[in-house]
Amino acid sequence: MSICKLLLVTCSIFLITSCAKTTRYTWNEYDNKLYQHYKNPAENDQFIDHLKQVIERGEDSQKVPPGIYAEYGYALYEKGSLQEAEKYFKLENDKWPESRVLMAKMILNAQTRGKQAKKPDQGVPVNSVSVSSTAAETKEDK
């Protein structure tokens, strides 16, 4: 009879512990915040702050969810923080190898946009205006 009780207790403990909620990643209500962001895009800064919190909590427990670095990087990219965006694209690239193709393109976009922002606005070249106006005049002359 004691073997039956021991088996019953062991099975019940196994069932109770197997039903416990375990998560592989620390999402920190990401899905709700993303939904709120889509409903109210004007509150972009709050969404960015929340993404940063998800990353910080995930890094503390080494459970950063896939795509969060990229999402945060893209939010920074849209805001114009290109160097910081590039940093998070590289983190996503390093942590999740399956995202390398997309992250390589995002890194290149951030670098290209950063280089364009550093160049002064040169305007339209004078030669192209005079050539196009000359071409228009020659068509009218004929």
N, C-alpha and C. Protein backbone atom coordinates (compact mmCIF):
# COMPACT_ATOMS: atom_id res chain seq x y z
N MET A 1 0.82 -1.19 0.00
CA MET A 1 0.00 0.00 0.00
C MET A 1 0.86 1.26 0.00
N SER A 2 1.98 1.27 0.65
CA SER A 2 2.83 2.44 0.70
C SER A 2 3.43 2.75 -0.67
N ILE A 3 3.65 1.73 -1.48
CA ILE A 3 4.18 1.96 -2.84
C ILE A 3 3.12 2.67 -3.68
N CYS A 4 1.86 2.29 -3.50
CA CYS A 4 0.77 2.97 -4.23
C CYS A 4 0.67 4.44 -3.83
N LYS A 5 0.78 4.71 -2.54
CA LYS A 5 0.73 6.10 -2.07
C LYS A 5 1.91 6.90 -2.58
N LEU A 6 3.08 6.28 -2.56
CA LEU A 6 4.28 6.96 -3.06
C LEU A 6 4.15 7.26 -4.54
N LEU A 7 3.63 6.30 -5.29
CA LEU A 7 3.42 6.50 -6.72
C LEU A 7 2.38 7.58 -6.98
N LEU A 8 1.31 7.59 -6.19
CA LEU A 8 0.26 8.61 -6.33
C LEU A 8 0.80 10.00 -6.01
N VAL A 9 1.58 10.14 -4.96
CA VAL A 9 2.17 11.42 -4.59
C VAL A 9 3.16 11.88 -5.66
N THR A 10 3.97 10.98 -6.16
CA THR A 10 4.95 11.32 -7.20
C THR A 10 4.24 11.78 -8.47
N CYS A 11 3.20 11.07 -8.86
CA CYS A 11 2.45 11.46 -10.07
C CYS A 11 1.77 12.81 -9.89
N SER A 12 1.19 13.03 -8.72
CA SER A 12 0.52 14.32 -8.50
C SER A 12 1.52 15.48 -8.48
N ILE A 13 2.68 15.27 -7.89
CA ILE A 13 3.72 16.32 -7.92
C ILE A 13 4.17 16.57 -9.35
N PHE A 14 4.35 15.52 -10.10
CA PHE A 14 4.75 15.67 -11.50
C PHE A 14 3.71 16.45 -12.29
N LEU A 15 2.44 16.14 -12.10
CA LEU A 15 1.37 16.85 -12.81
C LEU A 15 1.30 18.31 -12.40
N ILE A 16 1.45 18.60 -11.13
CA ILE A 16 1.39 19.98 -10.66
C ILE A 16 2.55 20.80 -11.21
N THR A 17 3.74 20.25 -11.18
CA THR A 17 4.91 21.01 -11.66
C THR A 17 4.93 21.12 -13.18
N SER A 18 4.37 20.15 -13.88
CA SER A 18 4.37 20.24 -15.34
C SER A 18 3.37 21.26 -15.85
N CYS A 19 2.39 21.60 -15.04
CA CYS A 19 1.39 22.59 -15.44
C CYS A 19 1.81 24.01 -15.08
N ALA A 20 2.92 24.16 -14.41
CA ALA A 20 3.39 25.49 -14.04
C ALA A 20 3.78 26.26 -15.30
N LYS A 21 3.51 27.55 -15.30
CA LYS A 21 3.79 28.38 -16.45
C LYS A 21 5.30 28.65 -16.54
N THR A 22 5.88 28.23 -17.64
CA THR A 22 7.29 28.51 -17.88
C THR A 22 7.40 29.25 -19.20
N THR A 23 8.26 30.22 -19.23
CA THR A 23 8.46 30.96 -20.46
C THR A 23 9.93 30.90 -20.83
N ARG A 24 10.15 30.82 -22.08
CA ARG A 24 11.52 30.77 -22.57
C ARG A 24 12.12 32.17 -22.66
N TYR A 25 11.25 33.16 -22.86
CA TYR A 25 11.69 34.54 -23.03
C TYR A 25 10.92 35.46 -22.10
N THR A 26 11.48 36.61 -21.83
CA THR A 26 10.82 37.61 -21.00
C THR A 26 10.16 38.62 -21.93
N TRP A 27 8.85 38.46 -22.17
CA TRP A 27 8.13 39.32 -23.11
C TRP A 27 7.64 40.61 -22.46
N ASN A 28 7.34 40.58 -21.17
CA ASN A 28 6.96 41.79 -20.43
C ASN A 28 5.80 42.54 -21.09
N GLU A 29 4.72 41.82 -21.39
CA GLU A 29 3.50 42.40 -21.99
C GLU A 29 3.76 43.08 -23.34
N TYR A 30 4.70 42.56 -24.09
CA TYR A 30 5.04 43.13 -25.40
C TYR A 30 3.84 43.16 -26.33
N ASP A 31 3.07 42.07 -26.37
CA ASP A 31 1.95 42.01 -27.31
C ASP A 31 0.90 43.09 -27.03
N ASN A 32 0.62 43.34 -25.76
CA ASN A 32 -0.35 44.39 -25.42
C ASN A 32 0.19 45.78 -25.79
N LYS A 33 1.46 46.00 -25.52
CA LYS A 33 2.06 47.31 -25.83
C LYS A 33 2.14 47.53 -27.34
N LEU A 34 2.42 46.48 -28.09
CA LEU A 34 2.45 46.60 -29.55
C LEU A 34 1.06 46.93 -30.08
N TYR A 35 0.05 46.29 -29.54
CA TYR A 35 -1.32 46.59 -29.93
C TYR A 35 -1.67 48.04 -29.63
N GLN A 36 -1.31 48.51 -28.44
CA GLN A 36 -1.55 49.91 -28.07
C GLN A 36 -0.80 50.86 -28.99
N HIS A 37 0.40 50.48 -29.39
CA HIS A 37 1.19 51.31 -30.30
C HIS A 37 0.51 51.43 -31.67
N TYR A 38 -0.05 50.33 -32.16
CA TYR A 38 -0.75 50.38 -33.44
C TYR A 38 -2.04 51.18 -33.35
N LYS A 39 -2.69 51.13 -32.19
CA LYS A 39 -3.91 51.91 -31.99
C LYS A 39 -3.61 53.40 -31.86
N ASN A 40 -2.51 53.74 -31.20
CA ASN A 40 -2.13 55.14 -30.93
C ASN A 40 -0.68 55.37 -31.36
N PRO A 41 -0.43 55.51 -32.65
CA PRO A 41 0.95 55.67 -33.10
C PRO A 41 1.61 56.96 -32.61
N ALA A 42 0.82 57.92 -32.15
CA ALA A 42 1.39 59.17 -31.65
C ALA A 42 2.16 58.96 -30.35
N GLU A 43 1.88 57.88 -29.65
CA GLU A 43 2.56 57.58 -28.40
C GLU A 43 3.80 56.72 -28.65
N ASN A 44 4.55 57.05 -29.66
CA ASN A 44 5.72 56.29 -30.08
C ASN A 44 6.80 56.25 -29.01
N ASP A 45 7.01 57.35 -28.31
CA ASP A 45 8.05 57.40 -27.28
C ASP A 45 7.76 56.42 -26.15
N GLN A 46 6.51 56.25 -25.78
CA GLN A 46 6.15 55.29 -24.74
C GLN A 46 6.44 53.87 -25.20
N PHE A 47 6.17 53.58 -26.46
CA PHE A 47 6.45 52.25 -27.00
C PHE A 47 7.95 51.99 -27.02
N ILE A 48 8.73 52.99 -27.40
CA ILE A 48 10.18 52.85 -27.40
C ILE A 48 10.69 52.58 -25.99
N ASP A 49 10.17 53.30 -25.02
CA ASP A 49 10.56 53.08 -23.62
C ASP A 49 10.22 51.66 -23.18
N HIS A 50 9.05 51.19 -23.59
CA HIS A 50 8.65 49.83 -23.22
C HIS A 50 9.58 48.80 -23.86
N LEU A 51 9.95 49.00 -25.12
CA LEU A 51 10.88 48.07 -25.77
C LEU A 51 12.21 48.03 -25.03
N LYS A 52 12.65 49.19 -24.59
CA LYS A 52 13.91 49.24 -23.83
C LYS A 52 13.79 48.46 -22.52
N GLN A 53 12.64 48.55 -21.87
CA GLN A 53 12.41 47.79 -20.64
C GLN A 53 12.40 46.28 -20.91
N VAL A 54 11.79 45.88 -22.01
CA VAL A 54 11.76 44.46 -22.36
C VAL A 54 13.19 43.96 -22.57
N ILE A 55 14.00 44.76 -23.24
CA ILE A 55 15.39 44.37 -23.48
C ILE A 55 16.16 44.30 -22.17
N GLU A 56 16.02 45.30 -21.32
CA GLU A 56 16.75 45.31 -20.05
C GLU A 56 16.37 44.12 -19.18
N ARG A 57 15.09 43.84 -19.06
CA ARG A 57 14.64 42.70 -18.24
C ARG A 57 15.05 41.38 -18.87
N GLY A 58 15.00 41.32 -20.18
CA GLY A 58 15.42 40.11 -20.86
C GLY A 58 16.91 39.86 -20.73
N GLU A 59 17.71 40.92 -20.77
CA GLU A 59 19.15 40.76 -20.62
C GLU A 59 19.51 40.37 -19.19
N ASP A 60 18.75 40.87 -18.21
CA ASP A 60 18.99 40.50 -16.82
C ASP A 60 18.83 38.99 -16.61
N SER A 61 17.82 38.42 -17.24
CA SER A 61 17.55 36.99 -17.10
C SER A 61 18.08 36.17 -18.27
N GLN A 62 18.77 36.82 -19.19
CA GLN A 62 19.29 36.20 -20.41
C GLN A 62 18.17 35.52 -21.21
N LYS A 63 17.03 36.20 -21.27
CA LYS A 63 15.87 35.70 -22.01
C LYS A 63 15.30 36.78 -22.92
N VAL A 64 16.15 37.43 -23.71
CA VAL A 64 15.68 38.45 -24.65
C VAL A 64 14.93 37.75 -25.78
N PRO A 65 13.69 38.13 -26.03
CA PRO A 65 12.90 37.47 -27.07
C PRO A 65 13.45 37.76 -28.47
N PRO A 66 13.21 36.85 -29.39
CA PRO A 66 13.64 37.08 -30.77
C PRO A 66 12.90 38.26 -31.38
N GLY A 67 13.62 39.09 -32.10
CA GLY A 67 13.03 40.21 -32.81
C GLY A 67 12.95 41.50 -32.01
N ILE A 68 13.18 41.44 -30.70
CA ILE A 68 13.04 42.65 -29.88
C ILE A 68 14.18 43.63 -30.17
N TYR A 69 15.39 43.13 -30.32
CA TYR A 69 16.50 44.04 -30.67
C TYR A 69 16.21 44.73 -32.00
N ALA A 70 15.71 43.97 -32.96
CA ALA A 70 15.39 44.53 -34.28
C ALA A 70 14.26 45.54 -34.20
N GLU A 71 13.24 45.22 -33.42
CA GLU A 71 12.09 46.13 -33.26
C GLU A 71 12.55 47.44 -32.63
N TYR A 72 13.36 47.33 -31.59
CA TYR A 72 13.86 48.52 -30.91
C TYR A 72 14.78 49.31 -31.86
N GLY A 73 15.62 48.61 -32.58
CA GLY A 73 16.50 49.26 -33.55
C GLY A 73 15.71 50.00 -34.62
N TYR A 74 14.64 49.39 -35.10
CA TYR A 74 13.83 50.04 -36.12
C TYR A 74 13.11 51.27 -35.58
N ALA A 75 12.65 51.18 -34.33
CA ALA A 75 12.00 52.34 -33.70
C ALA A 75 13.00 53.49 -33.59
N LEU A 76 14.24 53.17 -33.24
CA LEU A 76 15.28 54.20 -33.17
C LEU A 76 15.63 54.73 -34.56
N TYR A 77 15.63 53.85 -35.54
CA TYR A 77 15.91 54.23 -36.93
C TYR A 77 14.88 55.24 -37.41
N GLU A 78 13.60 54.97 -37.14
CA GLU A 78 12.54 55.89 -37.53
C GLU A 78 12.67 57.23 -36.82
N LYS A 79 13.17 57.20 -35.61
CA LYS A 79 13.32 58.42 -34.83
C LYS A 79 14.55 59.22 -35.27
N GLY A 80 15.48 58.57 -35.98
CA GLY A 80 16.66 59.26 -36.47
C GLY A 80 17.93 58.97 -35.67
N SER A 81 17.86 58.08 -34.69
CA SER A 81 19.04 57.68 -33.91
C SER A 81 19.72 56.52 -34.64
N LEU A 82 20.43 56.85 -35.70
CA LEU A 82 20.92 55.83 -36.62
C LEU A 82 22.04 54.98 -36.05
N GLN A 83 22.97 55.57 -35.32
CA GLN A 83 24.08 54.79 -34.75
C GLN A 83 23.57 53.81 -33.70
N GLU A 84 22.66 54.27 -32.87
CA GLU A 84 22.10 53.39 -31.85
C GLU A 84 21.24 52.30 -32.51
N ALA A 85 20.53 52.64 -33.56
CA ALA A 85 19.73 51.65 -34.29
C ALA A 85 20.64 50.58 -34.87
N GLU A 86 21.74 51.00 -35.45
CA GLU A 86 22.70 50.06 -36.03
C GLU A 86 23.23 49.10 -34.95
N LYS A 87 23.46 49.62 -33.76
CA LYS A 87 23.93 48.79 -32.64
C LYS A 87 22.93 47.68 -32.34
N TYR A 88 21.65 48.00 -32.30
CA TYR A 88 20.65 46.99 -31.98
C TYR A 88 20.39 46.04 -33.15
N PHE A 89 20.55 46.51 -34.37
CA PHE A 89 20.47 45.60 -35.52
C PHE A 89 21.60 44.58 -35.45
N LYS A 90 22.78 45.03 -35.04
CA LYS A 90 23.92 44.11 -34.91
C LYS A 90 23.70 43.11 -33.77
N LEU A 91 23.10 43.57 -32.68
CA LEU A 91 22.78 42.64 -31.58
C LEU A 91 21.81 41.56 -32.04
N GLU A 92 20.78 41.97 -32.79
CA GLU A 92 19.82 40.99 -33.32
C GLU A 92 20.53 40.03 -34.27
N ASN A 93 21.39 40.56 -35.09
CA ASN A 93 22.15 39.76 -36.04
C ASN A 93 23.00 38.71 -35.32
N ASP A 94 23.65 39.11 -34.24
CA ASP A 94 24.52 38.20 -33.51
C ASP A 94 23.74 37.15 -32.71
N LYS A 95 22.63 37.57 -32.11
CA LYS A 95 21.87 36.66 -31.24
C LYS A 95 21.01 35.68 -32.03
N TRP A 96 20.48 36.11 -33.16
CA TRP A 96 19.56 35.28 -33.94
C TRP A 96 20.09 35.13 -35.36
N PRO A 97 20.85 34.08 -35.64
CA PRO A 97 21.47 33.90 -36.97
C PRO A 97 20.47 33.86 -38.12
N GLU A 98 19.24 33.44 -37.86
CA GLU A 98 18.26 33.37 -38.94
C GLU A 98 17.82 34.75 -39.43
N SER A 99 18.18 35.78 -38.69
CA SER A 99 17.80 37.14 -39.10
C SER A 99 18.92 37.87 -39.82
N ARG A 100 20.00 37.20 -40.12
CA ARG A 100 21.19 37.87 -40.67
C ARG A 100 20.94 38.58 -41.99
N VAL A 101 20.17 38.02 -42.87
CA VAL A 101 19.94 38.65 -44.17
C VAL A 101 19.21 39.98 -43.99
N LEU A 102 18.13 39.95 -43.23
CA LEU A 102 17.36 41.18 -42.99
C LEU A 102 18.18 42.19 -42.20
N MET A 103 18.90 41.74 -41.18
CA MET A 103 19.67 42.67 -40.35
C MET A 103 20.83 43.28 -41.14
N ALA A 104 21.41 42.53 -42.05
CA ALA A 104 22.46 43.10 -42.89
C ALA A 104 21.92 44.25 -43.73
N LYS A 105 20.71 44.09 -44.24
CA LYS A 105 20.07 45.16 -45.02
C LYS A 105 19.72 46.35 -44.14
N MET A 106 19.24 46.09 -42.94
CA MET A 106 18.89 47.19 -42.03
C MET A 106 20.15 47.95 -41.58
N ILE A 107 21.22 47.23 -41.33
CA ILE A 107 22.49 47.88 -40.96
C ILE A 107 22.97 48.76 -42.11
N LEU A 108 22.91 48.23 -43.32
CA LEU A 108 23.31 49.00 -44.49
C LEU A 108 22.43 50.24 -44.67
N ASN A 109 21.13 50.10 -44.46
CA ASN A 109 20.23 51.25 -44.55
C ASN A 109 20.58 52.32 -43.53
N ALA A 110 20.86 51.90 -42.29
CA ALA A 110 21.20 52.85 -41.24
C ALA A 110 22.51 53.56 -41.57
N GLN A 111 23.48 52.81 -42.08
CA GLN A 111 24.77 53.41 -42.44
C GLN A 111 24.61 54.38 -43.61
N THR A 112 23.85 53.98 -44.62
CA THR A 112 23.65 54.83 -45.79
C THR A 112 22.90 56.10 -45.42
N ARG A 113 21.86 55.96 -44.64
CA ARG A 113 21.10 57.14 -44.22
C ARG A 113 21.95 58.06 -43.34
N GLY A 114 22.81 57.46 -42.53
CA GLY A 114 23.70 58.26 -41.69
C GLY A 114 24.71 59.04 -42.52
N LYS A 115 25.23 58.42 -43.57
CA LYS A 115 26.17 59.13 -44.45
C LYS A 115 25.48 60.25 -45.21
N GLN A 116 24.24 60.01 -45.64
CA GLN A 116 23.50 61.05 -46.36
C GLN A 116 23.18 62.21 -45.45
N ALA A 117 22.93 61.94 -44.19
CA ALA A 117 22.61 63.00 -43.25
C ALA A 117 23.83 63.86 -42.95
N LYS A 118 25.01 63.27 -43.04
CA LYS A 118 26.24 64.02 -42.75
C LYS A 118 26.64 64.95 -43.89
N LYS A 119 26.23 64.62 -45.12
CA LYS A 119 26.57 65.46 -46.27
C LYS A 119 25.73 66.72 -46.26
N PRO A 120 26.32 67.87 -46.58
CA PRO A 120 25.50 69.09 -46.69
C PRO A 120 24.62 69.01 -47.94
N ASP A 121 23.49 69.69 -47.90
CA ASP A 121 22.58 69.70 -49.03
C ASP A 121 23.23 70.48 -50.17
N GLN A 122 23.49 69.77 -51.25
CA GLN A 122 24.19 70.40 -52.37
C GLN A 122 23.22 70.97 -53.40
N GLY A 123 21.98 70.63 -53.30
CA GLY A 123 21.00 71.18 -54.25
C GLY A 123 21.13 70.54 -55.62
N VAL A 124 20.51 71.13 -56.60
CA VAL A 124 20.53 70.63 -57.97
C VAL A 124 21.74 71.22 -58.68
N PRO A 125 22.54 70.39 -59.36
CA PRO A 125 23.69 70.92 -60.09
C PRO A 125 23.26 71.90 -61.17
N VAL A 126 24.05 72.94 -61.33
CA VAL A 126 23.73 73.99 -62.30
C VAL A 126 23.77 73.45 -63.72
N ASN A 127 24.71 72.59 -64.02
CA ASN A 127 24.86 72.05 -65.38
C ASN A 127 23.63 71.28 -65.82
N SER A 128 23.01 70.53 -64.92
CA SER A 128 21.85 69.75 -65.33
C SER A 128 20.66 70.65 -65.67
N VAL A 129 20.54 71.78 -64.97
CA VAL A 129 19.45 72.71 -65.27
C VAL A 129 19.67 73.36 -66.62
N SER A 130 20.89 73.79 -66.87
CA SER A 130 21.15 74.46 -68.14
C SER A 130 21.05 73.51 -69.31
N VAL A 131 21.44 72.24 -69.12
CA VAL A 131 21.35 71.26 -70.19
C VAL A 131 19.88 70.98 -70.51
N SER A 132 19.07 70.80 -69.47
CA SER A 132 17.67 70.49 -69.74
C SER A 132 16.96 71.69 -70.37
N SER A 133 17.30 72.92 -69.95
CA SER A 133 16.66 74.08 -70.56
C SER A 133 17.16 74.27 -71.99
N THR A 134 18.42 73.95 -72.25
CA THR A 134 18.96 74.05 -73.61
C THR A 134 18.28 73.02 -74.50
N ALA A 135 18.06 71.83 -73.97
CA ALA A 135 17.41 70.79 -74.75
C ALA A 135 15.97 71.20 -75.07
N ALA A 136 15.30 71.84 -74.12
CA ALA A 136 13.94 72.29 -74.36
C ALA A 136 13.91 73.39 -75.42
N GLU A 137 14.91 74.29 -75.38
CA GLU A 137 14.95 75.37 -76.36
C GLU A 137 15.22 74.84 -77.76
N THR A 138 16.08 73.83 -77.88
CA THR A 138 16.40 73.30 -79.21
C THR A 138 15.18 72.57 -79.79
N LYS A 139 14.37 71.96 -78.93
CA LYS A 139 13.17 71.31 -79.45
C LYS A 139 12.18 72.34 -79.95
N GLU A 140 12.09 73.48 -79.26
CA GLU A 140 11.17 74.52 -79.66
C GLU A 140 11.65 75.20 -80.94
N ASP A 141 12.97 75.31 -81.11
CA ASP A 141 13.52 75.96 -82.30
C ASP A 141 13.23 75.15 -83.56
N LYS A 142 13.15 73.85 -83.44
CA LYS A 142 12.95 73.00 -84.64
C LYS A 142 11.55 72.97 -85.04
